[in-house]
Amino acid sequence: MHAIADISIVPLGVGLSLSPYVAACERILSEAGLEPQLHANGTNVEGDWDEVMAALKRCHEALHRMGVPRVATNLRLGTRTDKTQTRDDKIASVRRELESEKVKR
């Protein structure tokens, strides 16, 4: 099943600078072929449900190996059965709507 996910992995107990941990997870997601799109508060990925979940597990395992005592993940995950849709499709749909509103004004 194809899934589109917004993932925010939060290492706890390691201080304020989290970029080394974020970078480690970005590498894992890339290596999994999920083409991560980093944003200010997390990362968007898309792919097979099992591949997304397996990569997320590898992120947790890697952060623990890096000495992180606790990892909290916030996950928003969407699937569809009525049609095939990518994250780019979703973004394009909203942009078209915004453009049509400009034309109506």
PDB file of N, CA and C in Angstrom:
ATOM      1  N   MET A   1       0.846  -1.169   0.000  1.00  0.00           N
ATOM      2  CA  MET A   1       0.000   0.000   0.000  1.00  0.00           C
ATOM      3  C   MET A   1       0.897   1.239   0.000  1.00  0.00           C
ATOM      4  N   HIS A   2       0.581   2.201  -0.866  1.00  0.00           N
ATOM      5  CA  HIS A   2       1.345   3.444  -0.966  1.00  0.00           C
ATOM      6  C   HIS A   2       0.951   4.383   0.177  1.00  0.00           C
ATOM      7  N   ALA A   3       1.943   4.991   0.808  1.00  0.00           N
ATOM      8  CA  ALA A   3       1.700   5.898   1.933  1.00  0.00           C
ATOM      9  C   ALA A   3       2.463   7.195   1.733  1.00  0.00           C
ATOM     10  N   ILE A   4       1.856   8.283   2.160  1.00  0.00           N
ATOM     11  CA  ILE A   4       2.506   9.588   2.217  1.00  0.00           C
ATOM     12  C   ILE A   4       2.566   9.961   3.691  1.00  0.00           C
ATOM     13  N   ALA A   5       3.766  10.272   4.166  1.00  0.00           N
ATOM     14  CA  ALA A   5       3.945  10.496   5.600  1.00  0.00           C
ATOM     15  C   ALA A   5       4.654  11.805   5.885  1.00  0.00           C
ATOM     16  N   ASP A   6       4.243  12.415   6.973  1.00  0.00           N
ATOM     17  CA  ASP A   6       4.933  13.572   7.541  1.00  0.00           C
ATOM     18  C   ASP A   6       5.495  13.083   8.871  1.00  0.00           C
ATOM     19  N   ILE A   7       6.830  13.091   8.965  1.00  0.00           N
ATOM     20  CA  ILE A   7       7.509  12.502  10.116  1.00  0.00           C
ATOM     21  C   ILE A   7       8.310  13.574  10.848  1.00  0.00           C
ATOM     22  N   SER A   8       8.170  13.595  12.155  1.00  0.00           N
ATOM     23  CA  SER A   8       9.000  14.447  13.001  1.00  0.00           C
ATOM     24  C   SER A   8       9.597  13.564  14.095  1.00  0.00           C
ATOM     25  N   ILE A   9      10.887  13.296  13.960  1.00  0.00           N
ATOM     26  CA  ILE A   9      11.594  12.449  14.909  1.00  0.00           C
ATOM     27  C   ILE A   9      12.340  13.352  15.885  1.00  0.00           C
ATOM     28  N   VAL A  10      12.062  13.183  17.172  1.00  0.00           N
ATOM     29  CA  VAL A  10      12.608  14.087  18.183  1.00  0.00           C
ATOM     30  C   VAL A  10      13.491  13.308  19.156  1.00  0.00           C
ATOM     31  N   PRO A  11      14.816  13.504  19.057  1.00  0.00           N
ATOM     32  CA  PRO A  11      15.708  12.885  20.037  1.00  0.00           C
ATOM     33  C   PRO A  11      15.637  13.658  21.358  1.00  0.00           C
ATOM     34  N   LEU A  12      15.452  12.953  22.453  1.00  0.00           N
ATOM     35  CA  LEU A  12      15.332  13.595  23.762  1.00  0.00           C
ATOM     36  C   LEU A  12      16.533  13.236  24.627  1.00  0.00           C
ATOM     37  N   GLY A  13      16.964  14.200  25.415  1.00  0.00           N
ATOM     38  CA  GLY A  13      18.056  13.961  26.345  1.00  0.00           C
ATOM     39  C   GLY A  13      19.435  14.183  25.759  1.00  0.00           C
ATOM     40  N   VAL A  14      19.501  14.943  24.654  1.00  0.00           N
ATOM     41  CA  VAL A  14      20.801  15.160  23.994  1.00  0.00           C
ATOM     42  C   VAL A  14      21.141  16.642  23.826  1.00  0.00           C
ATOM     43  N   GLY A  15      20.405  17.517  24.468  1.00  0.00           N
ATOM     44  CA  GLY A  15      20.689  18.942  24.346  1.00  0.00           C
ATOM     45  C   GLY A  15      19.842  19.606  23.277  1.00  0.00           C
ATOM     46  N   LEU A  16      20.245  20.827  22.933  1.00  0.00           N
ATOM     47  CA  LEU A  16      19.431  21.644  22.033  1.00  0.00           C
ATOM     48  C   LEU A  16      19.744  21.458  20.553  1.00  0.00           C
ATOM     49  N   SER A  17      20.957  21.142  20.199  1.00  0.00           N
ATOM     50  CA  SER A  17      21.331  21.003  18.788  1.00  0.00           C
ATOM     51  C   SER A  17      20.988  19.601  18.303  1.00  0.00           C
ATOM     52  N   LEU A  18      20.024  19.528  17.397  1.00  0.00           N
ATOM     53  CA  LEU A  18      19.547  18.237  16.936  1.00  0.00           C
ATOM     54  C   LEU A  18      19.973  17.912  15.506  1.00  0.00           C
ATOM     55  N   SER A  19      20.652  18.821  14.843  1.00  0.00           N
ATOM     56  CA  SER A  19      20.965  18.629  13.422  1.00  0.00           C
ATOM     57  C   SER A  19      21.741  17.348  13.119  1.00  0.00           C
ATOM     58  N   PRO A  20      22.682  16.886  13.955  1.00  0.00           N
ATOM     59  CA  PRO A  20      23.351  15.623  13.617  1.00  0.00           C
ATOM     60  C   PRO A  20      22.379  14.431  13.581  1.00  0.00           C
ATOM     61  N   TYR A  21      21.374  14.462  14.432  1.00  0.00           N
ATOM     62  CA  TYR A  21      20.404  13.382  14.501  1.00  0.00           C
ATOM     63  C   TYR A  21      19.420  13.461  13.325  1.00  0.00           C
ATOM     64  N   VAL A  22      19.025  14.677  13.000  1.00  0.00           N
ATOM     65  CA  VAL A  22      18.155  14.877  11.834  1.00  0.00           C
ATOM     66  C   VAL A  22      18.876  14.412  10.576  1.00  0.00           C
ATOM     67  N   ALA A  23      20.140  14.787  10.442  1.00  0.00           N
ATOM     68  CA  ALA A  23      20.920  14.388   9.267  1.00  0.00           C
ATOM     69  C   ALA A  23      21.035  12.866   9.173  1.00  0.00           C
ATOM     70  N   ALA A  24      21.232  12.206  10.303  1.00  0.00           N
ATOM     71  CA  ALA A  24      21.330  10.738  10.303  1.00  0.00           C
ATOM     72  C   ALA A  24      20.035  10.121   9.782  1.00  0.00           C
ATOM     73  N   CYS A  25      18.911  10.649  10.215  1.00  0.00           N
ATOM     74  CA  CYS A  25      17.626  10.115   9.755  1.00  0.00           C
ATOM     75  C   CYS A  25      17.374  10.449   8.290  1.00  0.00           C
ATOM     76  N   GLU A  26      17.764  11.626   7.863  1.00  0.00           N
ATOM     77  CA  GLU A  26      17.612  11.987   6.448  1.00  0.00           C
ATOM     78  C   GLU A  26      18.388  11.015   5.565  1.00  0.00           C
ATOM     79  N   ARG A  27      19.597  10.647   5.994  1.00  0.00           N
ATOM     80  CA  ARG A  27      20.393   9.672   5.228  1.00  0.00           C
ATOM     81  C   ARG A  27      19.673   8.326   5.151  1.00  0.00           C
ATOM     82  N   ILE A  28      19.126   7.891   6.262  1.00  0.00           N
ATOM     83  CA  ILE A  28      18.416   6.610   6.297  1.00  0.00           C
ATOM     84  C   ILE A  28      17.209   6.638   5.370  1.00  0.00           C
ATOM     85  N   LEU A  29      16.445   7.711   5.409  1.00  0.00           N
ATOM     86  CA  LEU A  29      15.265   7.824   4.562  1.00  0.00           C
ATOM     87  C   LEU A  29      15.650   7.865   3.086  1.00  0.00           C
ATOM     88  N   SER A  30      16.744   8.556   2.778  1.00  0.00           N
ATOM     89  CA  SER A  30      17.236   8.598   1.397  1.00  0.00           C
ATOM     90  C   SER A  30      17.684   7.224   0.931  1.00  0.00           C
ATOM     91  N   GLU A  31      18.461   6.539   1.771  1.00  0.00           N
ATOM     92  CA  GLU A  31      18.947   5.207   1.425  1.00  0.00           C
ATOM     93  C   GLU A  31      17.800   4.214   1.225  1.00  0.00           C
ATOM     94  N   ALA A  32      16.677   4.481   1.872  1.00  0.00           N
ATOM     95  CA  ALA A  32      15.501   3.625   1.719  1.00  0.00           C
ATOM     96  C   ALA A  32      14.749   3.933   0.428  1.00  0.00           C
ATOM     97  N   GLY A  33      15.186   4.957  -0.302  1.00  0.00           N
ATOM     98  CA  GLY A  33      14.535   5.323  -1.559  1.00  0.00           C
ATOM     99  C   GLY A  33      13.252   6.102  -1.384  1.00  0.00           C
ATOM    100  N   LEU A  34      13.074   6.741  -0.228  1.00  0.00           N
ATOM    101  CA  LEU A  34      11.831   7.455   0.067  1.00  0.00           C
ATOM    102  C   LEU A  34      11.852   8.923  -0.355  1.00  0.00           C
ATOM    103  N   GLU A  35      12.957   9.389  -0.920  1.00  0.00           N
ATOM    104  CA  GLU A  35      13.102  10.773  -1.393  1.00  0.00           C
ATOM    105  C   GLU A  35      12.561  11.779  -0.380  1.00  0.00           C
ATOM    106  N   PRO A  36      13.197  11.862   0.786  1.00  0.00           N
ATOM    107  CA  PRO A  36      12.699  12.760   1.828  1.00  0.00           C
ATOM    108  C   PRO A  36      12.748  14.227   1.412  1.00  0.00           C
ATOM    109  N   GLN A  37      11.723  14.953   1.835  1.00  0.00           N
ATOM    110  CA  GLN A  37      11.676  16.404   1.662  1.00  0.00           C
ATOM    111  C   GLN A  37      11.683  17.020   3.054  1.00  0.00           C
ATOM    112  N   LEU A  38      12.846  17.516   3.438  1.00  0.00           N
ATOM    113  CA  LEU A  38      13.018  18.142   4.741  1.00  0.00           C
ATOM    114  C   LEU A  38      12.265  19.465   4.770  1.00  0.00           C
ATOM    115  N   HIS A  39      11.590  19.735   5.875  1.00  0.00           N
ATOM    116  CA  HIS A  39      10.984  21.049   6.085  1.00  0.00           C
ATOM    117  C   HIS A  39      11.301  21.483   7.514  1.00  0.00           C
ATOM    118  N   ALA A  40      10.870  22.644   7.898  1.00  0.00           N
ATOM    119  CA  ALA A  40      11.298  23.240   9.163  1.00  0.00           C
ATOM    120  C   ALA A  40      10.948  22.407  10.394  1.00  0.00           C
ATOM    121  N   ASN A  41       9.898  21.613  10.315  1.00  0.00           N
ATOM    122  CA  ASN A  41       9.461  20.860  11.489  1.00  0.00           C
ATOM    123  C   ASN A  41       9.390  19.354  11.275  1.00  0.00           C
ATOM    124  N   GLY A  42      10.062  18.870  10.259  1.00  0.00           N
ATOM    125  CA  GLY A  42      10.026  17.436   9.998  1.00  0.00           C
ATOM    126  C   GLY A  42      10.420  17.110   8.577  1.00  0.00           C
ATOM    127  N   THR A  43       9.927  15.972   8.111  1.00  0.00           N
ATOM    128  CA  THR A  43      10.266  15.463   6.790  1.00  0.00           C
ATOM    129  C   THR A  43       9.054  14.774   6.184  1.00  0.00           C
ATOM    130  N   ASN A  44       8.818  15.028   4.901  1.00  0.00           N
ATOM    131  CA  ASN A  44       7.793  14.306   4.158  1.00  0.00           C
ATOM    132  C   ASN A  44       8.458  13.194   3.360  1.00  0.00           C
ATOM    133  N   VAL A  45       7.845  12.029   3.362  1.00  0.00           N
ATOM    134  CA  VAL A  45       8.304  10.906   2.548  1.00  0.00           C
ATOM    135  C   VAL A  45       7.084  10.236   1.932  1.00  0.00           C
ATOM    136  N   GLU A  46       7.331   9.458   0.892  1.00  0.00           N
ATOM    137  CA  GLU A  46       6.271   8.625   0.349  1.00  0.00           C
ATOM    138  C   GLU A  46       6.879   7.339  -0.164  1.00  0.00           C
ATOM    139  N   GLY A  47       6.100   6.279  -0.078  1.00  0.00           N
ATOM    140  CA  GLY A  47       6.551   4.984  -0.546  1.00  0.00           C
ATOM    141  C   GLY A  47       5.645   3.888  -0.031  1.00  0.00           C
ATOM    142  N   ASP A  48       6.070   2.674  -0.230  1.00  0.00           N
ATOM    143  CA  ASP A  48       5.327   1.535   0.272  1.00  0.00           C
ATOM    144  C   ASP A  48       5.242   1.596   1.801  1.00  0.00           C
ATOM    145  N   TRP A  49       4.074   1.309   2.332  1.00  0.00           N
ATOM    146  CA  TRP A  49       3.833   1.365   3.785  1.00  0.00           C
ATOM    147  C   TRP A  49       4.937   0.648   4.567  1.00  0.00           C
ATOM    148  N   ASP A  50       5.239  -0.584   4.177  1.00  0.00           N
ATOM    149  CA  ASP A  50       6.230  -1.369   4.918  1.00  0.00           C
ATOM    150  C   ASP A  50       7.620  -0.745   4.837  1.00  0.00           C
ATOM    151  N   GLU A  51       7.958  -0.151   3.690  1.00  0.00           N
ATOM    152  CA  GLU A  51       9.262   0.490   3.542  1.00  0.00           C
ATOM    153  C   GLU A  51       9.362   1.757   4.393  1.00  0.00           C
ATOM    154  N   VAL A  52       8.278   2.524   4.460  1.00  0.00           N
ATOM    155  CA  VAL A  52       8.259   3.727   5.301  1.00  0.00           C
ATOM    156  C   VAL A  52       8.437   3.321   6.767  1.00  0.00           C
ATOM    157  N   MET A  53       7.678   2.321   7.212  1.00  0.00           N
ATOM    158  CA  MET A  53       7.753   1.884   8.607  1.00  0.00           C
ATOM    159  C   MET A  53       9.119   1.293   8.943  1.00  0.00           C
ATOM    160  N   ALA A  54       9.687   0.540   8.016  1.00  0.00           N
ATOM    161  CA  ALA A  54      11.005  -0.060   8.253  1.00  0.00           C
ATOM    162  C   ALA A  54      12.073   1.034   8.356  1.00  0.00           C
ATOM    163  N   ALA A  55      11.982   2.062   7.519  1.00  0.00           N
ATOM    164  CA  ALA A  55      12.950   3.159   7.577  1.00  0.00           C
ATOM    165  C   ALA A  55      12.799   3.932   8.886  1.00  0.00           C
ATOM    166  N   LEU A  56      11.577   4.135   9.319  1.00  0.00           N
ATOM    167  CA  LEU A  56      11.334   4.824  10.587  1.00  0.00           C
ATOM    168  C   LEU A  56      11.942   4.034  11.742  1.00  0.00           C
ATOM    169  N   LYS A  57      11.805   2.726  11.707  1.00  0.00           N
ATOM    170  CA  LYS A  57      12.415   1.882  12.737  1.00  0.00           C
ATOM    171  C   LYS A  57      13.938   2.028  12.700  1.00  0.00           C
ATOM    172  N   ARG A  58      14.516   2.036  11.497  1.00  0.00           N
ATOM    173  CA  ARG A  58      15.971   2.199  11.385  1.00  0.00           C
ATOM    174  C   ARG A  58      16.422   3.558  11.930  1.00  0.00           C
ATOM    175  N   CYS A  59      15.612   4.580  11.756  1.00  0.00           N
ATOM    176  CA  CYS A  59      15.948   5.897  12.326  1.00  0.00           C
ATOM    177  C   CYS A  59      16.027   5.803  13.848  1.00  0.00           C
ATOM    178  N   HIS A  60      15.034   5.188  14.451  1.00  0.00           N
ATOM    179  CA  HIS A  60      15.045   5.035  15.911  1.00  0.00           C
ATOM    180  C   HIS A  60      16.286   4.251  16.355  1.00  0.00           C
ATOM    181  N   GLU A  61      16.552   3.153  15.680  1.00  0.00           N
ATOM    182  CA  GLU A  61      17.701   2.328  16.046  1.00  0.00           C
ATOM    183  C   GLU A  61      19.009   3.106  15.909  1.00  0.00           C
ATOM    184  N   ALA A  62      19.141   3.871  14.841  1.00  0.00           N
ATOM    185  CA  ALA A  62      20.377   4.641  14.614  1.00  0.00           C
ATOM    186  C   ALA A  62      20.558   5.711  15.689  1.00  0.00           C
ATOM    187  N   LEU A  63      19.487   6.393  16.044  1.00  0.00           N
ATOM    188  CA  LEU A  63      19.605   7.440  17.065  1.00  0.00           C
ATOM    189  C   LEU A  63      19.973   6.833  18.415  1.00  0.00           C
ATOM    190  N   HIS A  64      19.409   5.693  18.734  1.00  0.00           N
ATOM    191  CA  HIS A  64      19.785   5.035  19.991  1.00  0.00           C
ATOM    192  C   HIS A  64      21.259   4.628  19.967  1.00  0.00           C
ATOM    193  N   ARG A  65      21.739   4.147  18.818  1.00  0.00           N
ATOM    194  CA  ARG A  65      23.164   3.805  18.713  1.00  0.00           C
ATOM    195  C   ARG A  65      24.047   5.048  18.854  1.00  0.00           C
ATOM    196  N   MET A  66      23.510   6.207  18.495  1.00  0.00           N
ATOM    197  CA  MET A  66      24.247   7.474  18.631  1.00  0.00           C
ATOM    198  C   MET A  66      24.225   7.988  20.070  1.00  0.00           C
ATOM    199  N   GLY A  67      23.578   7.261  20.962  1.00  0.00           N
ATOM    200  CA  GLY A  67      23.554   7.652  22.367  1.00  0.00           C
ATOM    201  C   GLY A  67      22.305   8.368  22.819  1.00  0.00           C
ATOM    202  N   VAL A  68      21.301   8.465  21.959  1.00  0.00           N
ATOM    203  CA  VAL A  68      20.053   9.121  22.345  1.00  0.00           C
ATOM    204  C   VAL A  68      19.278   8.177  23.260  1.00  0.00           C
ATOM    205  N   PRO A  69      18.983   8.614  24.498  1.00  0.00           N
ATOM    206  CA  PRO A  69      18.301   7.713  25.427  1.00  0.00           C
ATOM    207  C   PRO A  69      16.811   7.549  25.142  1.00  0.00           C
ATOM    208  N   ARG A  70      16.222   8.549  24.487  1.00  0.00           N
ATOM    209  CA  ARG A  70      14.771   8.505  24.251  1.00  0.00           C
ATOM    210  C   ARG A  70      14.477   9.175  22.910  1.00  0.00           C
ATOM    211  N   VAL A  71      13.623   8.547  22.113  1.00  0.00           N
ATOM    212  CA  VAL A  71      13.232   9.094  20.808  1.00  0.00           C
ATOM    213  C   VAL A  71      11.715   9.122  20.745  1.00  0.00           C
ATOM    214  N   ALA A  72      11.167  10.287  20.427  1.00  0.00           N
ATOM    215  CA  ALA A  72       9.730  10.438  20.247  1.00  0.00           C
ATOM    216  C   ALA A  72       9.470  10.808  18.789  1.00  0.00           C
ATOM    217  N   THR A  73       8.531  10.135  18.180  1.00  0.00           N
ATOM    218  CA  THR A  73       8.201  10.414  16.783  1.00  0.00           C
ATOM    219  C   THR A  73       6.743  10.791  16.660  1.00  0.00           C
ATOM    220  N   ASN A  74       6.519  11.881  15.947  1.00  0.00           N
ATOM    221  CA  ASN A  74       5.166  12.292  15.571  1.00  0.00           C
ATOM    222  C   ASN A  74       5.005  11.923  14.104  1.00  0.00           C
ATOM    223  N   LEU A  75       3.935  11.211  13.791  1.00  0.00           N
ATOM    224  CA  LEU A  75       3.733  10.696  12.447  1.00  0.00           C
ATOM    225  C   LEU A  75       2.314  10.973  11.986  1.00  0.00           C
ATOM    226  N   ARG A  76       2.215  11.610  10.824  1.00  0.00           N
ATOM    227  CA  ARG A  76       0.923  11.731  10.146  1.00  0.00           C
ATOM    228  C   ARG A  76       1.067  10.933   8.865  1.00  0.00           C
ATOM    229  N   LEU A  77       0.152  10.009   8.646  1.00  0.00           N
ATOM    230  CA  LEU A  77       0.289   9.065   7.551  1.00  0.00           C
ATOM    231  C   LEU A  77      -1.022   8.964   6.808  1.00  0.00           C
ATOM    232  N   GLY A  78      -0.946   9.068   5.489  1.00  0.00           N
ATOM    233  CA  GLY A  78      -2.158   8.962   4.687  1.00  0.00           C
ATOM    234  C   GLY A  78      -2.014   7.909   3.602  1.00  0.00           C
ATOM    235  N   THR A  79      -3.124   7.226   3.344  1.00  0.00           N
ATOM    236  CA  THR A  79      -3.192   6.258   2.254  1.00  0.00           C
ATOM    237  C   THR A  79      -4.496   6.490   1.500  1.00  0.00           C
ATOM    238  N   ARG A  80      -4.526   6.023   0.257  1.00  0.00           N
ATOM    239  CA  ARG A  80      -5.737   6.133  -0.556  1.00  0.00           C
ATOM    240  C   ARG A  80      -5.955   4.827  -1.292  1.00  0.00           C
ATOM    241  N   THR A  81      -7.212   4.481  -1.503  1.00  0.00           N
ATOM    242  CA  THR A  81      -7.537   3.325  -2.327  1.00  0.00           C
ATOM    243  C   THR A  81      -8.303   3.726  -3.586  1.00  0.00           C
ATOM    244  N   ASP A  82      -8.804   4.973  -3.632  1.00  0.00           N
ATOM    245  CA  ASP A  82      -9.618   5.394  -4.775  1.00  0.00           C
ATOM    246  C   ASP A  82      -8.785   5.837  -5.973  1.00  0.00           C
ATOM    247  N   LYS A  83      -7.522   6.244  -5.740  1.00  0.00           N
ATOM    248  CA  LYS A  83      -6.647   6.638  -6.842  1.00  0.00           C
ATOM    249  C   LYS A  83      -5.211   6.671  -6.355  1.00  0.00           C
ATOM    250  N   THR A  84      -4.296   6.671  -7.304  1.00  0.00           N
ATOM    251  CA  THR A  84      -2.880   6.797  -6.989  1.00  0.00           C
ATOM    252  C   THR A  84      -2.566   8.279  -6.869  1.00  0.00           C
ATOM    253  N   GLN A  85      -1.920   8.676  -5.792  1.00  0.00           N
ATOM    254  CA  GLN A  85      -1.611  10.083  -5.572  1.00  0.00           C
ATOM    255  C   GLN A  85      -0.247  10.204  -4.913  1.00  0.00           C
ATOM    256  N   THR A  86       0.533  11.186  -5.383  1.00  0.00           N
ATOM    257  CA  THR A  86       1.830  11.473  -4.786  1.00  0.00           C
ATOM    258  C   THR A  86       1.734  12.753  -3.976  1.00  0.00           C
ATOM    259  N   ARG A  87       2.764  13.030  -3.202  1.00  0.00           N
ATOM    260  CA  ARG A  87       2.768  14.288  -2.447  1.00  0.00           C
ATOM    261  C   ARG A  87       2.805  15.470  -3.406  1.00  0.00           C
ATOM    262  N   ASP A  88       3.503  15.329  -4.540  1.00  0.00           N
ATOM    263  CA  ASP A  88       3.519  16.407  -5.534  1.00  0.00           C
ATOM    264  C   ASP A  88       2.123  16.652  -6.104  1.00  0.00           C
ATOM    265  N   ASP A  89       1.344  15.587  -6.313  1.00  0.00           N
ATOM    266  CA  ASP A  89      -0.040  15.732  -6.775  1.00  0.00           C
ATOM    267  C   ASP A  89      -0.857  16.549  -5.776  1.00  0.00           C
ATOM    268  N   LYS A  90      -0.669  16.253  -4.492  1.00  0.00           N
ATOM    269  CA  LYS A  90      -1.431  16.960  -3.462  1.00  0.00           C
ATOM    270  C   LYS A  90      -1.086  18.447  -3.443  1.00  0.00           C
ATOM    271  N   ILE A  91       0.194  18.746  -3.539  1.00  0.00           N
ATOM    272  CA  ILE A  91       0.638  20.146  -3.543  1.00  0.00           C
ATOM    273  C   ILE A  91       0.127  20.862  -4.779  1.00  0.00           C
ATOM    274  N   ALA A  92       0.233  20.214  -5.930  1.00  0.00           N
ATOM    275  CA  ALA A  92      -0.234  20.815  -7.182  1.00  0.00           C
ATOM    276  C   ALA A  92      -1.729  21.118  -7.126  1.00  0.00           C
ATOM    277  N   SER A  93      -2.505  20.247  -6.508  1.00  0.00           N
ATOM    278  CA  SER A  93      -3.941  20.458  -6.394  1.00  0.00           C
ATOM    279  C   SER A  93      -4.254  21.728  -5.609  1.00  0.00           C
ATOM    280  N   VAL A  94      -3.565  21.941  -4.516  1.00  0.00           N
ATOM    281  CA  VAL A  94      -3.782  23.150  -3.710  1.00  0.00           C
ATOM    282  C   VAL A  94      -3.319  24.381  -4.482  1.00  0.00           C
ATOM    283  N   ARG A  95      -2.202  24.284  -5.159  1.00  0.00           N
ATOM    284  CA  ARG A  95      -1.713  25.437  -5.943  1.00  0.00           C
ATOM    285  C   ARG A  95      -2.691  25.803  -7.051  1.00  0.00           C
ATOM    286  N   ARG A  96      -3.276  24.808  -7.712  1.00  0.00           N
ATOM    287  CA  ARG A  96      -4.285  25.092  -8.746  1.00  0.00           C
ATOM    288  C   ARG A  96      -5.477  25.815  -8.132  1.00  0.00           C
ATOM    289  N   GLU A  97      -5.881  25.380  -6.961  1.00  0.00           N
ATOM    290  CA  GLU A  97      -7.007  26.031  -6.277  1.00  0.00           C
ATOM    291  C   GLU A  97      -6.688  27.485  -5.962  1.00  0.00           C
ATOM    292  N   LEU A  98      -5.477  27.730  -5.477  1.00  0.00           N
ATOM    293  CA  LEU A  98      -5.070  29.109  -5.175  1.00  0.00           C
ATOM    294  C   LEU A  98      -5.047  29.967  -6.437  1.00  0.00           C
ATOM    295  N   GLU A  99      -4.559  29.404  -7.528  1.00  0.00           N
ATOM    296  CA  GLU A  99      -4.526  30.137  -8.794  1.00  0.00           C
ATOM    297  C   GLU A  99      -5.923  30.434  -9.297  1.00  0.00           C
ATOM    298  N   SER A 100      -6.835  29.477  -9.158  1.00  0.00           N
ATOM    299  CA  SER A 100      -8.213  29.708  -9.632  1.00  0.00           C
ATOM    300  C   SER A 100      -8.889  30.788  -8.789  1.00  0.00           C
ATOM    301  N   GLU A 101      -8.542  30.891  -7.510  1.00  0.00           N
ATOM    302  CA  GLU A 101      -9.092  31.951  -6.671  1.00  0.00           C
ATOM    303  C   GLU A 101      -8.602  33.320  -7.144  1.00  0.00           C
ATOM    304  N   LYS A 102      -7.339  33.398  -7.573  1.00  0.00           N
ATOM    305  CA  LYS A 102      -6.795  34.664  -8.080  1.00  0.00           C
ATOM    306  C   LYS A 102      -7.540  35.097  -9.333  1.00  0.00           C
ATOM    307  N   VAL A 103      -7.858  34.157 -10.201  1.00  0.00           N
ATOM    308  CA  VAL A 103      -8.551  34.455 -11.450  1.00  0.00           C
ATOM    309  C   VAL A 103      -9.961  34.951 -11.173  1.00  0.00           C
ATOM    310  N   LYS A 104     -10.612  34.393 -10.171  1.00  0.00           N
ATOM    311  CA  LYS A 104     -11.999  34.764  -9.828  1.00  0.00           C
ATOM    312  C   LYS A 104     -12.066  36.182  -9.256  1.00  0.00           C
ATOM    313  N   ARG A 105     -10.989  36.673  -8.707  1.00  0.00           N
ATOM    314  CA  ARG A 105     -11.001  38.005  -8.080  1.00  0.00           C
ATOM    315  C   ARG A 105     -10.979  39.027  -9.122  1.00  0.00           C
TER     316      ARG A 105
END
